[in-house]
Amino acid sequence: MPAPSAQRPMPRRKPGAVPGRQPIGTGTPGPLGDSYSAHKRSNGEPVVVRRTARRKTGLAAFWEDGQAVIAVPARLSLEDEQYWVPRMVARLEQGTQAQAGRRGVPASNEALMQRSMMLSRKYLGSGAVPVSVRWVTNQNDRWGSATPARKTIRISHHVQGMPEWVLDYVLLHELAHLIHANHSPAFWAELAGYPQLETAKAFLAGASFSAARNISGMENGLDEGDDLAAGSGDMD
């Protein structure tokens, strides 16, 4: 055994460094601008990697027009991208689900389906029985949409940040479309028993007003055909 003075000192790792990872900037250069990563979201949808020279350090994850975007510095190598992008996507999705959970809004599709069945029993006499109810992130011009022939309902992820009673109205609106495809008097009669009906409509009117000025793709008139759109304050 060598004398203690002959032992090699252990190298110090920089604070926050990841074991086994090379410093950012070493490896294969990546393309500037937007590109689709080989990584997918948990639901299989693609992830956009935005590599810009203006970003010098750090990575950011955010939603843009319903897509997950990971902004990275230009010097981030493709090898580093393979490591960091899926972790940033996971954080983004976890943050969205946590925010929904704090507001009492169902975070999973299963919970959303259960809530829909409860609303159908309470306000529609169980007359609407959907096959599926799910959150979607590619629906930026409608709060919700329904396909009566397939008995499927899709709710925009933008609703996740809204009060629970607004989500209930959006769900009820789409559930009623499984019974009446158009906006006939019979359709509105189905919703008449919901106590927050007018308040929720007014809330969405304000959200639509703001969205038309801040979120690209949400300027269309609200509710075309059997869909609940996010563009104006009226649902007729």
Protein backbone atom coordinates (compact mmCIF):
# COMPACT_ATOMS: atom_id res chain seq x y z
CA MET A 1 0.00 0.00 0.00
CA PRO A 2 1.46 3.37 -0.93
CA ALA A 3 2.13 5.97 1.68
CA PRO A 4 -0.74 8.42 2.34
CA SER A 5 1.25 11.20 0.74
CA ALA A 6 1.35 9.23 -2.51
CA GLN A 7 -2.43 8.76 -2.81
CA ARG A 8 -4.12 10.70 -5.62
CA PRO A 9 -6.71 13.22 -4.39
CA MET A 10 -10.33 12.70 -5.50
CA PRO A 11 -11.40 15.23 -8.15
CA ARG A 12 -13.89 17.79 -6.99
CA ARG A 13 -17.19 17.98 -8.81
CA LYS A 14 -18.68 21.36 -9.55
CA PRO A 15 -21.84 22.14 -7.56
CA GLY A 16 -24.91 20.94 -9.46
CA ALA A 17 -22.89 18.79 -11.86
CA VAL A 18 -24.44 15.52 -12.97
CA PRO A 19 -22.28 12.40 -12.52
CA GLY A 20 -21.22 10.99 -15.89
CA ARG A 21 -22.23 14.09 -17.85
CA GLN A 22 -19.74 16.17 -19.81
CA PRO A 23 -19.95 19.99 -19.58
CA ILE A 24 -22.52 21.59 -21.89
CA GLY A 25 -20.87 22.55 -25.15
CA THR A 26 -18.87 19.38 -25.76
CA GLY A 27 -20.12 16.93 -28.36
CA THR A 28 -22.10 17.12 -31.60
CA PRO A 29 -23.50 20.60 -32.39
CA GLY A 30 -27.26 20.85 -32.81
CA PRO A 31 -29.24 22.85 -35.40
CA LEU A 32 -30.28 26.39 -34.58
CA GLY A 33 -33.96 27.26 -34.50
CA ASP A 34 -36.88 24.93 -33.88
CA SER A 35 -36.58 21.21 -34.45
CA TYR A 36 -38.60 18.21 -33.36
CA SER A 37 -36.78 16.13 -30.79
CA ALA A 38 -36.64 12.36 -30.98
CA HIS A 39 -38.24 12.47 -27.54
CA LYS A 40 -41.99 12.43 -27.06
CA ARG A 41 -44.37 13.60 -24.39
CA SER A 42 -46.04 11.02 -22.17
CA ASN A 43 -49.00 10.98 -24.58
CA GLY A 44 -46.76 10.41 -27.63
CA GLU A 45 -46.92 13.96 -28.99
CA PRO A 46 -43.68 15.50 -30.34
CA VAL A 47 -41.48 17.93 -28.42
CA VAL A 48 -39.99 21.08 -29.98
CA VAL A 49 -36.38 21.93 -29.14
CA ARG A 50 -35.66 25.64 -29.65
CA ARG A 51 -31.90 26.25 -29.91
CA THR A 52 -30.91 29.94 -30.04
CA ALA A 53 -27.65 31.85 -29.80
CA ARG A 54 -29.37 34.46 -27.60
CA ARG A 55 -29.75 31.95 -24.78
CA LYS A 56 -26.35 31.65 -23.15
CA THR A 57 -27.07 29.39 -20.17
CA GLY A 58 -29.86 27.31 -18.72
CA LEU A 59 -32.82 25.51 -20.25
CA ALA A 60 -36.50 26.47 -20.13
CA ALA A 61 -39.67 24.42 -20.65
CA PHE A 62 -43.06 25.91 -21.53
CA TRP A 63 -46.25 25.37 -23.52
CA GLU A 64 -46.69 27.18 -26.83
CA ASP A 65 -49.80 26.69 -28.97
CA GLY A 66 -50.40 23.38 -27.24
CA GLN A 67 -46.89 22.04 -27.85
CA ALA A 68 -44.16 21.36 -25.33
CA VAL A 69 -41.17 23.61 -26.13
CA ILE A 70 -37.73 23.21 -24.58
CA ALA A 71 -35.52 26.28 -25.11
CA VAL A 72 -31.80 25.52 -24.99
CA PRO A 73 -28.56 27.44 -25.64
CA ALA A 74 -26.96 27.05 -29.06
CA ARG A 75 -23.93 25.35 -27.57
CA LEU A 76 -26.00 22.49 -26.12
CA SER A 77 -24.76 19.36 -27.91
CA LEU A 78 -27.05 16.69 -29.34
CA GLU A 79 -25.72 14.33 -26.70
CA ASP A 80 -26.72 16.75 -23.95
CA GLU A 81 -30.07 17.25 -25.65
CA GLN A 82 -30.75 13.52 -25.40
CA TYR A 83 -30.11 13.72 -21.68
CA TRP A 84 -31.83 16.98 -20.72
CA VAL A 85 -34.90 17.23 -22.97
CA PRO A 86 -36.85 14.28 -21.52
CA ARG A 87 -36.13 15.54 -18.01
CA MET A 88 -37.37 19.03 -18.85
CA VAL A 89 -40.50 17.60 -20.49
CA ALA A 90 -41.22 15.52 -17.39
CA ARG A 91 -40.90 18.62 -15.19
CA LEU A 92 -43.23 20.56 -17.48
CA GLU A 93 -45.91 17.88 -17.41
CA GLN A 94 -45.58 17.37 -13.65
CA GLY A 95 -45.93 21.11 -13.09
CA THR A 96 -49.10 21.25 -15.20
CA GLN A 97 -50.62 18.31 -13.36
CA ALA A 98 -49.68 19.76 -9.97
CA GLN A 99 -51.27 23.09 -10.83
CA ALA A 100 -54.46 21.35 -11.89
CA GLY A 101 -54.48 19.29 -8.71
CA ARG A 102 -54.08 22.35 -6.48
CA ARG A 103 -57.14 23.91 -8.07
CA GLY A 104 -59.22 20.76 -7.59
CA VAL A 105 -59.26 20.12 -11.33
CA PRO A 106 -58.89 16.45 -12.39
CA ALA A 107 -55.33 16.02 -13.63
CA SER A 108 -55.70 12.64 -15.34
CA ASN A 109 -58.00 11.49 -18.12
CA GLU A 110 -59.39 8.83 -15.78
CA ALA A 111 -60.35 11.45 -13.20
CA LEU A 112 -61.83 13.62 -15.94
CA MET A 113 -63.98 10.69 -17.10
CA GLN A 114 -65.18 10.02 -13.56
CA ARG A 115 -66.12 13.66 -13.08
CA SER A 116 -68.03 13.65 -16.37
CA MET A 117 -70.06 10.62 -15.31
CA MET A 118 -70.85 12.31 -11.99
CA LEU A 119 -72.04 15.47 -13.78
CA SER A 120 -74.12 13.42 -16.21
CA ARG A 121 -75.87 11.67 -13.33
CA LYS A 122 -76.42 14.88 -11.36
CA TYR A 123 -77.58 17.24 -14.10
CA LEU A 124 -78.43 15.17 -17.19
CA GLY A 125 -80.18 12.19 -15.65
CA SER A 126 -77.32 9.96 -16.88
CA GLY A 127 -78.49 10.70 -20.41
CA ALA A 128 -74.93 11.29 -21.65
CA VAL A 129 -72.55 8.33 -21.45
CA PRO A 130 -69.22 9.18 -23.10
CA VAL A 131 -66.82 6.51 -24.29
CA SER A 132 -63.83 8.73 -23.53
CA VAL A 133 -63.12 12.14 -22.04
CA ARG A 134 -59.55 13.39 -22.21
CA TRP A 135 -57.29 16.41 -21.97
CA VAL A 136 -55.65 17.54 -25.22
CA THR A 137 -52.92 20.09 -25.87
CA ASN A 138 -53.52 20.64 -29.60
CA GLN A 139 -56.89 22.39 -29.14
CA ASN A 140 -56.22 26.11 -28.90
CA ASP A 141 -59.32 27.52 -30.59
CA ARG A 142 -61.91 25.66 -28.49
CA TRP A 143 -62.31 25.05 -24.78
CA GLY A 144 -63.90 21.69 -25.52
CA SER A 145 -65.21 19.59 -28.38
CA ALA A 146 -67.44 16.55 -28.75
CA THR A 147 -68.04 13.94 -31.43
CA PRO A 148 -71.55 12.61 -30.78
CA ALA A 149 -71.23 9.75 -33.28
CA ARG A 150 -68.25 8.36 -31.36
CA LYS A 151 -69.33 9.65 -27.94
CA THR A 152 -65.92 11.18 -27.35
CA ILE A 153 -65.08 14.45 -25.62
CA ARG A 154 -61.85 16.46 -25.68
CA ILE A 155 -61.05 19.28 -23.25
CA SER A 156 -58.34 21.86 -23.96
CA HIS A 157 -55.46 21.92 -21.48
CA HIS A 158 -56.06 25.69 -21.20
CA VAL A 159 -59.08 24.87 -19.01
CA GLN A 160 -56.81 23.24 -16.42
CA GLY A 161 -55.95 26.60 -14.91
CA MET A 162 -59.59 27.65 -14.53
CA PRO A 163 -61.89 27.23 -11.51
CA GLU A 164 -63.50 23.85 -11.00
CA TRP A 165 -67.01 25.15 -11.67
CA VAL A 166 -65.90 26.44 -15.09
CA LEU A 167 -64.52 23.02 -16.01
CA ASP A 168 -67.81 21.48 -14.90
CA TYR A 169 -69.70 23.76 -17.27
CA VAL A 170 -67.36 22.94 -20.18
CA LEU A 171 -67.84 19.23 -19.48
CA LEU A 172 -71.60 19.60 -19.19
CA HIS A 173 -71.73 21.57 -22.44
CA GLU A 174 -69.95 18.77 -24.29
CA LEU A 175 -71.91 16.05 -22.50
CA ALA A 176 -75.14 17.74 -23.61
CA HIS A 177 -73.85 17.56 -27.19
CA LEU A 178 -73.84 13.78 -26.90
CA ILE A 179 -77.60 14.09 -26.45
CA HIS A 180 -78.29 17.03 -28.81
CA ALA A 181 -75.72 17.69 -31.54
CA ASN A 182 -76.89 21.27 -32.16
CA HIS A 183 -77.78 24.21 -29.92
CA SER A 184 -81.51 23.74 -29.99
CA PRO A 185 -83.79 24.80 -27.13
CA ALA A 186 -83.69 21.18 -26.00
CA PHE A 187 -79.89 21.40 -25.75
CA TRP A 188 -80.00 24.44 -23.46
CA ALA A 189 -82.80 22.87 -21.43
CA GLU A 190 -80.39 20.07 -20.56
CA LEU A 191 -78.02 22.64 -19.00
CA ALA A 192 -80.65 24.73 -17.24
CA GLY A 193 -80.20 22.91 -13.94
CA TYR A 194 -76.52 23.83 -13.57
CA PRO A 195 -76.46 26.69 -11.01
CA GLN A 196 -73.22 28.26 -12.32
CA LEU A 197 -74.38 28.30 -15.95
CA GLU A 198 -74.43 32.05 -16.57
CA THR A 199 -71.44 32.75 -14.33
CA ALA A 200 -69.32 30.17 -16.16
CA LYS A 201 -70.40 31.54 -19.54
CA ALA A 202 -69.37 35.03 -18.42
CA PHE A 203 -66.02 33.70 -17.15
CA LEU A 204 -65.28 32.06 -20.51
CA ALA A 205 -66.31 35.24 -22.30
CA GLY A 206 -63.62 37.15 -20.40
CA ALA A 207 -61.06 34.39 -20.96
CA SER A 208 -61.86 34.38 -24.68
CA PHE A 209 -61.49 38.16 -24.85
CA SER A 210 -58.02 37.88 -23.31
CA ALA A 211 -57.04 34.84 -25.35
CA ALA A 212 -57.88 36.54 -28.62
CA ARG A 213 -55.20 39.12 -27.81
CA ASN A 214 -52.55 36.95 -26.23
CA ILE A 215 -52.74 33.38 -27.53
CA SER A 216 -52.29 32.69 -31.23
CA GLY A 217 -54.96 30.48 -32.74
CA MET A 218 -57.77 31.32 -30.28
CA GLU A 219 -59.41 34.15 -32.24
CA ASN A 220 -62.20 32.11 -33.85
CA GLY A 221 -65.83 32.59 -32.93
CA LEU A 222 -66.93 30.46 -30.00
CA ASP A 223 -68.83 27.25 -30.64
CA GLU A 224 -69.13 26.27 -34.26
CA GLY A 225 -71.35 23.28 -34.84
CA ASP A 226 -70.99 20.85 -31.97
CA ASP A 227 -67.77 22.33 -30.60
CA LEU A 228 -67.24 24.70 -27.69
CA ALA A 229 -64.84 27.25 -29.15
CA ALA A 230 -62.68 29.78 -27.35
CA GLY A 231 -63.03 32.95 -29.34
CA SER A 232 -66.03 35.03 -28.29
CA GLY A 233 -68.18 35.28 -25.24
CA ASP A 234 -71.26 33.55 -26.67
CA MET A 235 -71.86 29.85 -27.03
CA ASP A 236 -74.74 30.08 -29.48
